Amino acid sequence: MRILVLGGDGYLGWPTAMHFSAQGHDVGVVDSFVKRKWELELGVEPLVPILTLHKRVKQWRNLTGKKISLFVNDLTNNRRLYQVFRDFQPEAIIHYGEQPSAPYSMMGRHYAVETQQNNIIGTLNVLYAMLKHCPNAHLIKLGTMGEYGTPNIDIEEGYIDIEHKGRKAKLPFPKQAGSLYHLTKVHDSANIEFACRIWGLKATDLNQGVVYGINTNHTVVGLNTSFHYDAIFGTVLNRFCVQAVIGEPLTVYGKGGQTRGYLNIRDTIQCVELAALNPPSSGEFRVFNQFTELFSVNDLAELVVKAGEDYGLSVEIDHMPNPRIEAEEHYYNPVHKKLQELGLKPTWLSDTLVNEIFDEVERNRYRIDRSLVRPDILWRHN
């Protein structure tokens, strides 16, 4: 297939592009490098330096003989995006090209507006580019389990059957986002569902859990992907691993009962490939809940303490005041059957925490900036 990866410079985008290229697909990557700009402005960077996308594309071709086409473009620039879609004629579009951080979106008005403009307008432009130049293409959009919030009922995969006053209907599952970033994903889902229902496009919305991990089958030196541990772009597991290695207590928010879905980066690529190889029908908007395991923050902290002990470290836990507005103890039981039915074979956190993540952090501990680790972004602004 001709596969276009939007956000091809990113944590998920670059490994995905390499994977599909290695499988023999004709791959293109699109990126504006705006996330690198945000990182420079905020004074944060991945633990291990990342080559520019131009250099990675060249190195990939030198190593494998396979070409990845590179398009430098901002998704909010519709004219240039139309040109990319017209020239490349993608059959599948994998859309990672959004501002990915909830804390970033909650830093203040400027960051909230930038997040919403970048994400929502960018996705709308993608939909219009598809409609104009490749209406039969399959959009695979990275959503988030954070769209659902933490309702006191089981979370279905995208849709829920309801009965009201004697009548029945299948409707999109209610959304209750926990940040202005997560709200952009809610708006994306609504816009994409509309484009499928009204225009006849086809799309798969991958409501993904929190991704962890560094290595895939193709991430070697020079072709590695990013590992963020800072309070803005880093995940809780990354932060815990870094804190354990440098001897700082693990910063658990509040009671630590916040439970979410998690999956390894290898499984993200596996899920995207399963979606690409099994496309929906024209006019169909389907939703997959994409995760493999459920953990509370306390669960993760205890796993990191144990892994730290196995690594010869003494790790403590610090329950700090929660900077977010969220339920710290709640019911959480999301359905996630569809990807398993397509053949997903999970990678377990217990198999990768020590021999991959801890090893990588320990090798690069001299690069860690301690000032970036402790969370300090508040959800409530006075």
Foldseek 3Di string as FASTA:
>chain_A
DEEEEEPCQAQQNVVLQLVVQVVPYAAEYEEQCVVVVVCVVVVFFFLDDADDPVQLQVVSCVVPVTHYHYDYDQLLPLVSVLVVCQVRVGQEYEYPHADDWQLQCQQDDVSVVVRLSRQQSSLVSVLVSCLVHPQNHEYEYEAAPQQAAFDQDAAEFQWDWDADPRDIDIGGHHGDHFGSNNVSSVSSLVVVLCCLQPVQHFYEYEHEWAEDFWDDPPADVNSTHGAGQFQTPHDLLSLLLLCQLVVHAREAEAPQQDKIFYAYSNLVSVLVVLCNVPDDGGSDYGGAHHGDDMDTRVRSNVLSCVLSVVVVTHYHHDHDHHLGPGDNHHDYHYDGCPSVVSPRDGDDCNVDVNPGSNVVCNVSVVSDDVVRRDHDRHNDDD
